[in-house]
Amino acid sequence: MLPTVAGLGIVAVLLIGPVPAVLSRAEWVQREPRAVLVLWQALGLAGGLAAGGSVLAAALAPLGDSLPAAFAAYWRSGGRLDVFHLFLLGAAVGLFGWLLTMTAVSSWKATRVRSRQRELVDLVSTPWPNRLSPARATGAGARLIEHPAAAAYCLPGPSSRVVITTGALSLLDADELDAVLAHEHAHLAERHDLLLLPFAAWSSAMFGLAGTQRVRTAVAQLVEMLADDRACLGRDRAVLAAALARVGVASSGTTPSGALGSTDYAVLPRVQRLLEPSAPSLLLRSVSYAAAIVTITVPFWAFLVPLAIH
């Protein structure tokens, strides 16, 4: 099963190192953020499967020519392996367990932090007075905090909150305010917090290494672009661009932990993207989706299909 071990190992190295590094620096991703986010998810899942799968394949290599055959032989033999291969098997189980545990822990922490933040927001805020015209419903259900720093953010979850400060309120006109609130409601409607969760878990599992932080930032920027695009449906893109620029310049890091803020990531590139939008690319979208399918298929294929060269 050595070709499987080597192949999965190579795939794991590529998907954890060079490929994310290249993709995180690519500028074309701004044209099709939704498709690229699917690709990022495929890279993360396939990278974890390939890393754990290479160790698992090495552990079971003496028992068969493919993983299904090796599993069957392991079951029939009652788990008979030498000490070294038992160690590798334990390492594979431990790696998969660590990744699943960190995903669960990250989810629990995010839920707990956001619940506490919602309680604090309810204590220090007042209901949004909704001074906008009836045609603009995005202010409904928002909360207003008396604070001189400009900030607009949302707290996702079953009982979500959209929050804006008086500092941001003083900077924005009615149209700009409407666009910013629409941006935050876009985060909630599309549950962008769930898109970000696996990458936060992966970063924690890798102890916050620089590469994982870069990936996390790249994904967060694409999520913000998705919210920008949804907020601009039926609205002037220049209005949201002006609002982001105003709030971004005046912001002082007031977005709390666990929240999704409108100016947390890549404000200048997003403003440029809004003012000078590139045409959507069917080619880039198709290539991204195809690459995601191929990426996620490779480790599963190595797990399940006996290779002729074994």
C-alpha atoms as a PDB file:
ATOM      1  CA  MET A   1       0.000   0.000   0.000  1.00  0.00           C
ATOM      2  CA  LEU A   2       3.048   2.235  -0.213  1.00  0.00           C
ATOM      3  CA  PRO A   3       1.773   4.138  -3.284  1.00  0.00           C
ATOM      4  CA  THR A   4      -1.333   5.077  -1.270  1.00  0.00           C
ATOM      5  CA  VAL A   5       0.774   6.203   1.691  1.00  0.00           C
ATOM      6  CA  ALA A   6       3.097   8.266  -0.479  1.00  0.00           C
ATOM      7  CA  GLY A   7       0.261   9.664  -2.582  1.00  0.00           C
ATOM      8  CA  LEU A   8      -1.810  10.747   0.400  1.00  0.00           C
ATOM      9  CA  GLY A   9       1.279  12.209   2.042  1.00  0.00           C
ATOM     10  CA  ILE A  10       2.085  14.281  -1.030  1.00  0.00           C
ATOM     11  CA  VAL A  11      -1.533  15.428  -1.325  1.00  0.00           C
ATOM     12  CA  ALA A  12      -1.565  16.404   2.358  1.00  0.00           C
ATOM     13  CA  VAL A  13       1.639  18.441   2.044  1.00  0.00           C
ATOM     14  CA  LEU A  14       0.352  20.232  -1.053  1.00  0.00           C
ATOM     15  CA  LEU A  15      -3.081  20.988   0.411  1.00  0.00           C
ATOM     16  CA  ILE A  16      -1.734  22.170   3.756  1.00  0.00           C
ATOM     17  CA  GLY A  17       1.190  24.213   2.429  1.00  0.00           C
ATOM     18  CA  PRO A  18       1.752  25.459  -1.131  1.00  0.00           C
ATOM     19  CA  VAL A  19      -1.795  25.368  -2.502  1.00  0.00           C
ATOM     20  CA  PRO A  20      -3.380  27.493   0.286  1.00  0.00           C
ATOM     21  CA  ALA A  21      -0.418  29.876   0.150  1.00  0.00           C
ATOM     22  CA  VAL A  22      -0.914  30.469  -3.573  1.00  0.00           C
ATOM     23  CA  LEU A  23      -4.709  30.713  -3.363  1.00  0.00           C
ATOM     24  CA  SER A  24      -4.630  33.136  -0.422  1.00  0.00           C
ATOM     25  CA  ARG A  25      -2.553  35.581  -2.489  1.00  0.00           C
ATOM     26  CA  ALA A  26      -4.529  35.286  -5.735  1.00  0.00           C
ATOM     27  CA  GLU A  27      -6.428  38.407  -6.787  1.00  0.00           C
ATOM     28  CA  TRP A  28      -8.790  36.663  -9.222  1.00  0.00           C
ATOM     29  CA  VAL A  29     -10.671  35.088  -6.302  1.00  0.00           C
ATOM     30  CA  GLN A  30     -12.495  38.397  -5.778  1.00  0.00           C
ATOM     31  CA  ARG A  31     -14.427  37.824  -8.997  1.00  0.00           C
ATOM     32  CA  GLU A  32     -16.095  34.630  -7.766  1.00  0.00           C
ATOM     33  CA  PRO A  33     -15.973  34.613  -3.940  1.00  0.00           C
ATOM     34  CA  ARG A  34     -18.736  32.038  -3.484  1.00  0.00           C
ATOM     35  CA  ALA A  35     -17.121  29.451  -5.762  1.00  0.00           C
ATOM     36  CA  VAL A  36     -13.695  30.051  -4.208  1.00  0.00           C
ATOM     37  CA  LEU A  37     -15.147  29.566  -0.723  1.00  0.00           C
ATOM     38  CA  VAL A  38     -16.388  26.146  -1.832  1.00  0.00           C
ATOM     39  CA  LEU A  39     -12.865  25.429  -3.043  1.00  0.00           C
ATOM     40  CA  TRP A  40     -11.409  26.544   0.290  1.00  0.00           C
ATOM     41  CA  GLN A  41     -13.762  24.189   2.131  1.00  0.00           C
ATOM     42  CA  ALA A  42     -12.741  21.324  -0.132  1.00  0.00           C
ATOM     43  CA  LEU A  43      -9.046  22.098   0.450  1.00  0.00           C
ATOM     44  CA  GLY A  44      -9.506  22.098   4.214  1.00  0.00           C
ATOM     45  CA  LEU A  45     -11.474  18.855   4.337  1.00  0.00           C
ATOM     46  CA  ALA A  46      -9.270  17.060   1.824  1.00  0.00           C
ATOM     47  CA  GLY A  47      -6.105  18.250   3.569  1.00  0.00           C
ATOM     48  CA  GLY A  48      -7.247  16.824   6.893  1.00  0.00           C
ATOM     49  CA  LEU A  49      -8.377  13.555   5.317  1.00  0.00           C
ATOM     50  CA  ALA A  50      -5.131  13.169   3.382  1.00  0.00           C
ATOM     51  CA  ALA A  51      -2.955  13.918   6.428  1.00  0.00           C
ATOM     52  CA  GLY A  52      -4.759  11.449   8.660  1.00  0.00           C
ATOM     53  CA  GLY A  53      -5.264   8.999   5.816  1.00  0.00           C
ATOM     54  CA  SER A  54      -1.557   8.805   4.988  1.00  0.00           C
ATOM     55  CA  VAL A  55      -0.766   7.827   8.588  1.00  0.00           C
ATOM     56  CA  LEU A  56      -3.668   5.371   8.648  1.00  0.00           C
ATOM     57  CA  ALA A  57      -2.557   3.792   5.376  1.00  0.00           C
ATOM     58  CA  ALA A  58       1.001   3.435   6.718  1.00  0.00           C
ATOM     59  CA  ALA A  59      -0.336   1.775   9.871  1.00  0.00           C
ATOM     60  CA  LEU A  60      -2.378  -0.803   7.946  1.00  0.00           C
ATOM     61  CA  ALA A  61       0.071  -1.304   5.073  1.00  0.00           C
ATOM     62  CA  PRO A  62       1.174  -4.823   6.180  1.00  0.00           C
ATOM     63  CA  LEU A  63      -2.402  -6.093   6.072  1.00  0.00           C
ATOM     64  CA  GLY A  64      -3.523  -5.408   2.503  1.00  0.00           C
ATOM     65  CA  ASP A  65      -3.083  -3.766  -0.857  1.00  0.00           C
ATOM     66  CA  SER A  66      -5.790  -1.150  -0.242  1.00  0.00           C
ATOM     67  CA  LEU A  67      -7.445   0.451   2.743  1.00  0.00           C
ATOM     68  CA  PRO A  68     -10.692  -1.544   2.454  1.00  0.00           C
ATOM     69  CA  ALA A  69      -8.737  -4.797   2.209  1.00  0.00           C
ATOM     70  CA  ALA A  70      -6.462  -3.771   5.094  1.00  0.00           C
ATOM     71  CA  PHE A  71      -9.428  -2.868   7.295  1.00  0.00           C
ATOM     72  CA  ALA A  72     -11.031  -6.240   6.572  1.00  0.00           C
ATOM     73  CA  ALA A  73      -7.804  -8.073   7.380  1.00  0.00           C
ATOM     74  CA  TYR A  74      -7.358  -6.036  10.572  1.00  0.00           C
ATOM     75  CA  TRP A  75     -10.883  -6.956  11.653  1.00  0.00           C
ATOM     76  CA  ARG A  76     -10.402 -10.645  10.865  1.00  0.00           C
ATOM     77  CA  SER A  77      -7.079 -10.777  12.678  1.00  0.00           C
ATOM     78  CA  GLY A  78      -8.474  -9.209  15.804  1.00  0.00           C
ATOM     79  CA  GLY A  79      -6.237  -6.163  15.520  1.00  0.00           C
ATOM     80  CA  ARG A  80      -2.877  -7.926  15.245  1.00  0.00           C
ATOM     81  CA  LEU A  81      -0.146  -5.469  14.331  1.00  0.00           C
ATOM     82  CA  ASP A  82       3.402  -5.002  15.503  1.00  0.00           C
ATOM     83  CA  VAL A  83       4.221  -2.232  17.962  1.00  0.00           C
ATOM     84  CA  PHE A  84       5.361   0.269  15.322  1.00  0.00           C
ATOM     85  CA  HIS A  85       2.245  -0.086  13.191  1.00  0.00           C
ATOM     86  CA  LEU A  86       0.024   0.001  16.274  1.00  0.00           C
ATOM     87  CA  PHE A  87       1.706   3.287  17.160  1.00  0.00           C
ATOM     88  CA  LEU A  88       0.943   4.635  13.693  1.00  0.00           C
ATOM     89  CA  LEU A  89      -2.660   3.468  13.990  1.00  0.00           C
ATOM     90  CA  GLY A  90      -2.972   5.286  17.306  1.00  0.00           C
ATOM     91  CA  ALA A  91      -1.443   8.403  15.750  1.00  0.00           C
ATOM     92  CA  ALA A  92      -3.979   8.323  12.888  1.00  0.00           C
ATOM     93  CA  VAL A  93      -6.915   7.878  15.258  1.00  0.00           C
ATOM     94  CA  GLY A  94      -5.470  10.605  17.477  1.00  0.00           C
ATOM     95  CA  LEU A  95      -5.091  13.017  14.557  1.00  0.00           C
ATOM     96  CA  PHE A  96      -8.670  12.523  13.363  1.00  0.00           C
ATOM     97  CA  GLY A  97      -9.877  12.764  16.943  1.00  0.00           C
ATOM     98  CA  TRP A  98      -7.899  15.967  17.514  1.00  0.00           C
ATOM     99  CA  LEU A  99      -9.380  17.628  14.429  1.00  0.00           C
ATOM    100  CA  LEU A 100     -12.932  16.621  15.379  1.00  0.00           C
ATOM    101  CA  THR A 101     -12.378  17.690  18.983  1.00  0.00           C
ATOM    102  CA  MET A 102     -11.041  21.105  17.980  1.00  0.00           C
ATOM    103  CA  THR A 103     -14.019  21.583  15.669  1.00  0.00           C
ATOM    104  CA  ALA A 104     -16.391  20.810  18.531  1.00  0.00           C
ATOM    105  CA  VAL A 105     -14.435  22.990  20.970  1.00  0.00           C
ATOM    106  CA  SER A 106     -14.319  25.918  18.540  1.00  0.00           C
ATOM    107  CA  SER A 107     -18.055  25.618  17.948  1.00  0.00           C
ATOM    108  CA  TRP A 108     -18.757  25.512  21.681  1.00  0.00           C
ATOM    109  CA  LYS A 109     -16.496  28.498  22.388  1.00  0.00           C
ATOM    110  CA  ALA A 110     -18.034  30.556  19.572  1.00  0.00           C
ATOM    111  CA  THR A 111     -21.548  29.777  20.800  1.00  0.00           C
ATOM    112  CA  ARG A 112     -20.647  30.655  24.376  1.00  0.00           C
ATOM    113  CA  VAL A 113     -18.854  33.897  23.449  1.00  0.00           C
ATOM    114  CA  ARG A 114     -21.706  35.071  21.209  1.00  0.00           C
ATOM    115  CA  SER A 115     -24.295  34.242  23.863  1.00  0.00           C
ATOM    116  CA  ARG A 116     -22.399  36.359  26.379  1.00  0.00           C
ATOM    117  CA  GLN A 117     -21.946  39.167  23.861  1.00  0.00           C
ATOM    118  CA  ARG A 118     -25.677  39.158  23.116  1.00  0.00           C
ATOM    119  CA  GLU A 119     -26.405  39.502  26.829  1.00  0.00           C
ATOM    120  CA  LEU A 120     -23.975  42.428  27.107  1.00  0.00           C
ATOM    121  CA  VAL A 121     -25.411  44.087  23.998  1.00  0.00           C
ATOM    122  CA  ASP A 122     -28.926  43.828  25.407  1.00  0.00           C
ATOM    123  CA  LEU A 123     -27.730  45.459  28.631  1.00  0.00           C
ATOM    124  CA  VAL A 124     -25.964  48.457  27.081  1.00  0.00           C
ATOM    125  CA  SER A 125     -28.012  49.036  23.908  1.00  0.00           C
ATOM    126  CA  THR A 126     -31.424  50.289  22.957  1.00  0.00           C
ATOM    127  CA  PRO A 127     -33.694  49.014  20.180  1.00  0.00           C
ATOM    128  CA  TRP A 128     -33.017  50.566  16.808  1.00  0.00           C
ATOM    129  CA  PRO A 129     -35.453  53.462  16.343  1.00  0.00           C
ATOM    130  CA  ASN A 130     -35.819  52.623  12.614  1.00  0.00           C
ATOM    131  CA  ARG A 131     -35.872  56.190  11.346  1.00  0.00           C
ATOM    132  CA  LEU A 132     -35.364  54.951   7.796  1.00  0.00           C
ATOM    133  CA  SER A 133     -38.194  55.029   5.307  1.00  0.00           C
ATOM    134  CA  PRO A 134     -40.615  52.068   5.238  1.00  0.00           C
ATOM    135  CA  ALA A 135     -38.967  50.875   2.023  1.00  0.00           C
ATOM    136  CA  ARG A 136     -35.795  50.190   3.962  1.00  0.00           C
ATOM    137  CA  ALA A 137     -36.453  47.321   6.361  1.00  0.00           C
ATOM    138  CA  THR A 138     -32.842  46.452   7.108  1.00  0.00           C
ATOM    139  CA  GLY A 139     -32.848  48.399  10.352  1.00  0.00           C
ATOM    140  CA  ALA A 140     -35.538  46.219  11.854  1.00  0.00           C
ATOM    141  CA  GLY A 141     -34.382  44.364  14.943  1.00  0.00           C
ATOM    142  CA  ALA A 142     -31.034  46.153  15.224  1.00  0.00           C
ATOM    143  CA  ARG A 143     -29.582  47.522  18.448  1.00  0.00           C
ATOM    144  CA  LEU A 144     -28.011  50.943  19.015  1.00  0.00           C
ATOM    145  CA  ILE A 145     -25.060  51.444  21.363  1.00  0.00           C
ATOM    146  CA  GLU A 146     -23.959  54.840  22.619  1.00  0.00           C
ATOM    147  CA  HIS A 147     -20.271  54.847  21.707  1.00  0.00           C
ATOM    148  CA  PRO A 148     -18.146  57.450  19.895  1.00  0.00           C
ATOM    149  CA  ALA A 149     -16.189  54.854  17.905  1.00  0.00           C
ATOM    150  CA  ALA A 150     -17.748  53.872  14.590  1.00  0.00           C
ATOM    151  CA  ALA A 151     -18.776  50.222  14.418  1.00  0.00           C
ATOM    152  CA  ALA A 152     -21.398  48.030  12.819  1.00  0.00           C
ATOM    153  CA  TYR A 153     -21.468  44.292  13.427  1.00  0.00           C
ATOM    154  CA  CYS A 154     -23.686  41.278  13.933  1.00  0.00           C
ATOM    155  CA  LEU A 155     -23.754  38.440  16.433  1.00  0.00           C
ATOM    156  CA  PRO A 156     -24.909  35.284  14.620  1.00  0.00           C
ATOM    157  CA  GLY A 157     -26.836  32.476  16.210  1.00  0.00           C
ATOM    158  CA  PRO A 158     -30.390  31.336  16.917  1.00  0.00           C
ATOM    159  CA  SER A 159     -31.043  34.697  18.617  1.00  0.00           C
ATOM    160  CA  SER A 160     -28.983  37.009  16.423  1.00  0.00           C
ATOM    161  CA  ARG A 161     -28.264  40.705  16.884  1.00  0.00           C
ATOM    162  CA  VAL A 162     -27.277  43.499  14.521  1.00  0.00           C
ATOM    163  CA  VAL A 163     -25.492  46.320  16.339  1.00  0.00           C
ATOM    164  CA  ILE A 164     -24.534  49.827  15.300  1.00  0.00           C
ATOM    165  CA  THR A 165     -22.887  52.541  17.380  1.00  0.00           C
ATOM    166  CA  THR A 166     -23.827  56.186  17.568  1.00  0.00           C
ATOM    167  CA  GLY A 167     -20.347  56.926  16.227  1.00  0.00           C
ATOM    168  CA  ALA A 168     -21.198  55.117  12.986  1.00  0.00           C
ATOM    169  CA  LEU A 169     -24.657  56.652  12.955  1.00  0.00           C
ATOM    170  CA  SER A 170     -23.175  60.155  12.964  1.00  0.00           C
ATOM    171  CA  LEU A 171     -20.981  59.352   9.939  1.00  0.00           C
ATOM    172  CA  LEU A 172     -23.530  57.819   7.598  1.00  0.00           C
ATOM    173  CA  ASP A 173     -26.467  59.191   5.693  1.00  0.00           C
ATOM    174  CA  ALA A 174     -29.677  57.190   5.341  1.00  0.00           C
ATOM    175  CA  ASP A 175     -28.618  55.312   2.200  1.00  0.00           C
ATOM    176  CA  GLU A 176     -25.188  54.440   3.587  1.00  0.00           C
ATOM    177  CA  LEU A 177     -26.682  53.292   6.858  1.00  0.00           C
ATOM    178  CA  ASP A 178     -29.170  51.144   4.989  1.00  0.00           C
ATOM    179  CA  ALA A 179     -26.337  49.513   3.004  1.00  0.00           C
ATOM    180  CA  VAL A 180     -24.248  48.797   6.099  1.00  0.00           C
ATOM    181  CA  LEU A 181     -27.174  47.223   7.923  1.00  0.00           C
ATOM    182  CA  ALA A 182     -27.976  45.177   4.818  1.00  0.00           C
ATOM    183  CA  HIS A 183     -24.386  43.917   4.871  1.00  0.00           C
ATOM    184  CA  GLU A 184     -24.796  42.695   8.438  1.00  0.00           C
ATOM    185  CA  HIS A 185     -28.150  41.071   7.693  1.00  0.00           C
ATOM    186  CA  ALA A 186     -26.481  39.295   4.762  1.00  0.00           C
ATOM    187  CA  HIS A 187     -24.062  37.662   7.210  1.00  0.00           C
ATOM    188  CA  LEU A 188     -26.972  36.429   9.288  1.00  0.00           C
ATOM    189  CA  ALA A 189     -29.141  35.279   6.386  1.00  0.00           C
ATOM    190  CA  GLU A 190     -26.361  33.194   4.825  1.00  0.00           C
ATOM    191  CA  ARG A 191     -24.922  31.985   8.182  1.00  0.00           C
ATOM    192  CA  HIS A 192     -21.409  33.080   7.297  1.00  0.00           C
ATOM    193  CA  ASP A 193     -20.328  32.218  10.823  1.00  0.00           C
ATOM    194  CA  LEU A 194     -20.705  28.537   9.903  1.00  0.00           C
ATOM    195  CA  LEU A 195     -18.437  29.043   6.881  1.00  0.00           C
ATOM    196  CA  LEU A 196     -15.741  30.506   9.111  1.00  0.00           C
ATOM    197  CA  LEU A 197     -15.997  27.932  11.900  1.00  0.00           C
ATOM    198  CA  PRO A 198     -13.999  25.054  10.284  1.00  0.00           C
ATOM    199  CA  PHE A 199     -11.114  27.405   9.466  1.00  0.00           C
ATOM    200  CA  ALA A 200     -11.037  28.744  13.019  1.00  0.00           C
ATOM    201  CA  ALA A 201     -10.965  25.132  14.236  1.00  0.00           C
ATOM    202  CA  TRP A 202      -8.181  24.228  11.791  1.00  0.00           C
ATOM    203  CA  SER A 203      -6.119  27.219  12.954  1.00  0.00           C
ATOM    204  CA  SER A 204      -6.587  26.189  16.587  1.00  0.00           C
ATOM    205  CA  ALA A 205      -5.705  22.573  15.797  1.00  0.00           C
ATOM    206  CA  MET A 206      -2.487  23.758  14.140  1.00  0.00           C
ATOM    207  CA  PHE A 207      -1.732  25.995  17.154  1.00  0.00           C
ATOM    208  CA  GLY A 208      -2.217  29.199  15.176  1.00  0.00           C
ATOM    209  CA  LEU A 209       0.629  28.687  12.730  1.00  0.00           C
ATOM    210  CA  ALA A 210       1.158  31.578  10.320  1.00  0.00           C
ATOM    211  CA  GLY A 211      -0.078  29.575   7.329  1.00  0.00           C
ATOM    212  CA  THR A 212      -3.387  28.703   8.979  1.00  0.00           C
ATOM    213  CA  GLN A 213      -3.880  32.301  10.069  1.00  0.00           C
ATOM    214  CA  ARG A 214      -3.316  33.447   6.484  1.00  0.00           C
ATOM    215  CA  VAL A 215      -5.932  30.993   5.255  1.00  0.00           C
ATOM    216  CA  ARG A 216      -8.376  32.105   7.931  1.00  0.00           C
ATOM    217  CA  THR A 217      -7.912  35.743   6.922  1.00  0.00           C
ATOM    218  CA  ALA A 218      -8.308  34.960   3.213  1.00  0.00           C
ATOM    219  CA  VAL A 219     -11.564  33.102   3.866  1.00  0.00           C
ATOM    220  CA  ALA A 220     -12.878  35.893   6.105  1.00  0.00           C
ATOM    221  CA  GLN A 221     -12.200  38.436   3.350  1.00  0.00           C
ATOM    222  CA  LEU A 222     -14.180  36.370   0.843  1.00  0.00           C
ATOM    223  CA  VAL A 223     -17.050  36.092   3.322  1.00  0.00           C
ATOM    224  CA  GLU A 224     -17.098  39.882   3.640  1.00  0.00           C
ATOM    225  CA  MET A 225     -17.215  40.172  -0.158  1.00  0.00           C
ATOM    226  CA  LEU A 226     -20.180  37.797  -0.241  1.00  0.00           C
ATOM    227  CA  ALA A 227     -21.996  40.013   2.244  1.00  0.00           C
ATOM    228  CA  ASP A 228     -21.065  43.080   0.188  1.00  0.00           C
ATOM    229  CA  ASP A 229     -22.551  41.520  -2.945  1.00  0.00           C
ATOM    230  CA  ARG A 230     -25.808  40.575  -1.235  1.00  0.00           C
ATOM    231  CA  ALA A 231     -26.102  43.990   0.384  1.00  0.00           C
ATOM    232  CA  CYS A 232     -25.749  45.633  -3.036  1.00  0.00           C
ATOM    233  CA  LEU A 233     -28.705  43.817  -4.554  1.00  0.00           C
ATOM    234  CA  GLY A 234     -31.021  46.654  -5.491  1.00  0.00           C
ATOM    235  CA  ARG A 235     -28.579  49.214  -4.087  1.00  0.00           C
ATOM    236  CA  ASP A 236     -25.855  51.431  -5.500  1.00  0.00           C
ATOM    237  CA  ARG A 237     -22.474  49.768  -4.934  1.00  0.00           C
ATOM    238  CA  ALA A 238     -20.835  53.171  -4.538  1.00  0.00           C
ATOM    239  CA  VAL A 239     -23.048  53.872  -1.530  1.00  0.00           C
ATOM    240  CA  LEU A 240     -21.818  50.802   0.342  1.00  0.00           C
ATOM    241  CA  ALA A 241     -18.248  51.593  -0.718  1.00  0.00           C
ATOM    242  CA  ALA A 242     -18.531  55.076   0.775  1.00  0.00           C
ATOM    243  CA  ALA A 243     -20.047  53.688   3.968  1.00  0.00           C
ATOM    244  CA  LEU A 244     -17.297  51.095   4.391  1.00  0.00           C
ATOM    245  CA  ALA A 245     -14.638  53.737   3.801  1.00  0.00           C
ATOM    246  CA  ARG A 246     -16.160  56.101   6.356  1.00  0.00           C
ATOM    247  CA  VAL A 247     -16.619  53.475   9.043  1.00  0.00           C
ATOM    248  CA  GLY A 248     -13.293  51.795   8.276  1.00  0.00           C
ATOM    249  CA  VAL A 249     -11.317  55.020   8.711  1.00  0.00           C
ATOM    250  CA  ALA A 250     -13.123  55.937  11.931  1.00  0.00           C
ATOM    251  CA  SER A 251     -13.184  52.427  13.388  1.00  0.00           C
ATOM    252  CA  SER A 252     -10.922  51.638  16.321  1.00  0.00           C
ATOM    253  CA  GLY A 253     -11.258  47.879  16.685  1.00  0.00           C
ATOM    254  CA  THR A 254     -14.568  47.981  18.532  1.00  0.00           C
ATOM    255  CA  THR A 255     -15.968  44.774  17.041  1.00  0.00           C
ATOM    256  CA  PRO A 256     -16.220  42.292  19.934  1.00  0.00           C
ATOM    257  CA  SER A 257     -15.045  38.712  19.912  1.00  0.00           C
ATOM    258  CA  GLY A 258     -17.412  36.372  18.092  1.00  0.00           C
ATOM    259  CA  ALA A 259     -18.993  39.123  15.991  1.00  0.00           C
ATOM    260  CA  LEU A 260     -18.837  39.699  12.249  1.00  0.00           C
ATOM    261  CA  GLY A 261     -18.012  43.332  11.577  1.00  0.00           C
ATOM    262  CA  SER A 262     -18.518  45.215   8.330  1.00  0.00           C
ATOM    263  CA  THR A 263     -14.992  46.671   8.405  1.00  0.00           C
ATOM    264  CA  ASP A 264     -12.994  43.880  10.030  1.00  0.00           C
ATOM    265  CA  TYR A 265     -11.213  42.642   6.896  1.00  0.00           C
ATOM    266  CA  ALA A 266      -9.711  44.147   3.747  1.00  0.00           C
ATOM    267  CA  VAL A 267     -11.702  47.372   3.640  1.00  0.00           C
ATOM    268  CA  LEU A 268      -9.616  49.019   0.895  1.00  0.00           C
ATOM    269  CA  PRO A 269      -9.708  46.040  -1.552  1.00  0.00           C
ATOM    270  CA  ARG A 270     -13.430  45.682  -0.939  1.00  0.00           C
ATOM    271  CA  VAL A 271     -14.045  49.374  -1.580  1.00  0.00           C
ATOM    272  CA  GLN A 272     -12.057  49.134  -4.819  1.00  0.00           C
ATOM    273  CA  ARG A 273     -13.983  46.010  -5.783  1.00  0.00           C
ATOM    274  CA  LEU A 274     -17.293  47.782  -5.192  1.00  0.00           C
ATOM    275  CA  LEU A 275     -16.276  50.865  -7.166  1.00  0.00           C
ATOM    276  CA  GLU A 276     -14.616  48.951 -10.003  1.00  0.00           C
ATOM    277  CA  PRO A 277     -16.473  45.627 -10.163  1.00  0.00           C
ATOM    278  CA  SER A 278     -15.110  42.908 -12.407  1.00  0.00           C
ATOM    279  CA  ALA A 279     -17.523  40.999 -14.552  1.00  0.00           C
ATOM    280  CA  PRO A 280     -18.471  37.589 -13.140  1.00  0.00           C
ATOM    281  CA  SER A 281     -16.502  34.822 -14.800  1.00  0.00           C
ATOM    282  CA  LEU A 282     -18.242  31.598 -15.714  1.00  0.00           C
ATOM    283  CA  LEU A 283     -14.838  30.099 -16.488  1.00  0.00           C
ATOM    284  CA  LEU A 284     -13.365  30.918 -13.068  1.00  0.00           C
ATOM    285  CA  ARG A 285     -16.531  29.747 -11.348  1.00  0.00           C
ATOM    286  CA  SER A 286     -16.541  26.457 -13.238  1.00  0.00           C
ATOM    287  CA  VAL A 287     -12.836  25.873 -12.649  1.00  0.00           C
ATOM    288  CA  SER A 288     -13.236  26.570  -8.919  1.00  0.00           C
ATOM    289  CA  TYR A 289     -16.140  24.165  -8.533  1.00  0.00           C
ATOM    290  CA  ALA A 290     -14.378  21.522 -10.629  1.00  0.00           C
ATOM    291  CA  ALA A 291     -11.188  21.909  -8.605  1.00  0.00           C
ATOM    292  CA  ALA A 292     -13.204  21.525  -5.388  1.00  0.00           C
ATOM    293  CA  ILE A 293     -14.769  18.284  -6.650  1.00  0.00           C
ATOM    294  CA  VAL A 294     -11.403  16.868  -7.728  1.00  0.00           C
ATOM    295  CA  THR A 295      -9.727  17.943  -4.488  1.00  0.00           C
ATOM    296  CA  ILE A 296     -12.268  16.279  -2.224  1.00  0.00           C
ATOM    297  CA  THR A 297     -12.447  13.162  -4.422  1.00  0.00           C
ATOM    298  CA  VAL A 298      -8.724  12.349  -4.313  1.00  0.00           C
ATOM    299  CA  PRO A 299      -8.430  11.231  -0.651  1.00  0.00           C
ATOM    300  CA  PHE A 300     -11.749   9.348  -0.763  1.00  0.00           C
ATOM    301  CA  TRP A 301     -10.608   7.591  -3.921  1.00  0.00           C
ATOM    302  CA  ALA A 302      -7.364   6.571  -2.245  1.00  0.00           C
ATOM    303  CA  PHE A 303      -9.312   5.308   0.787  1.00  0.00           C
ATOM    304  CA  LEU A 304     -11.859   3.249  -1.081  1.00  0.00           C
ATOM    305  CA  VAL A 305     -10.497   2.170  -4.453  1.00  0.00           C
ATOM    306  CA  PRO A 306      -7.729  -0.429  -4.733  1.00  0.00           C
ATOM    307  CA  LEU A 307      -5.023   0.896  -7.042  1.00  0.00           C
ATOM    308  CA  ALA A 308      -3.752  -1.301  -9.859  1.00  0.00           C
ATOM    309  CA  ILE A 309      -0.141  -0.485  -8.970  1.00  0.00           C
ATOM    310  CA  HIS A 310      -0.456  -1.757  -5.394  1.00  0.00           C
END
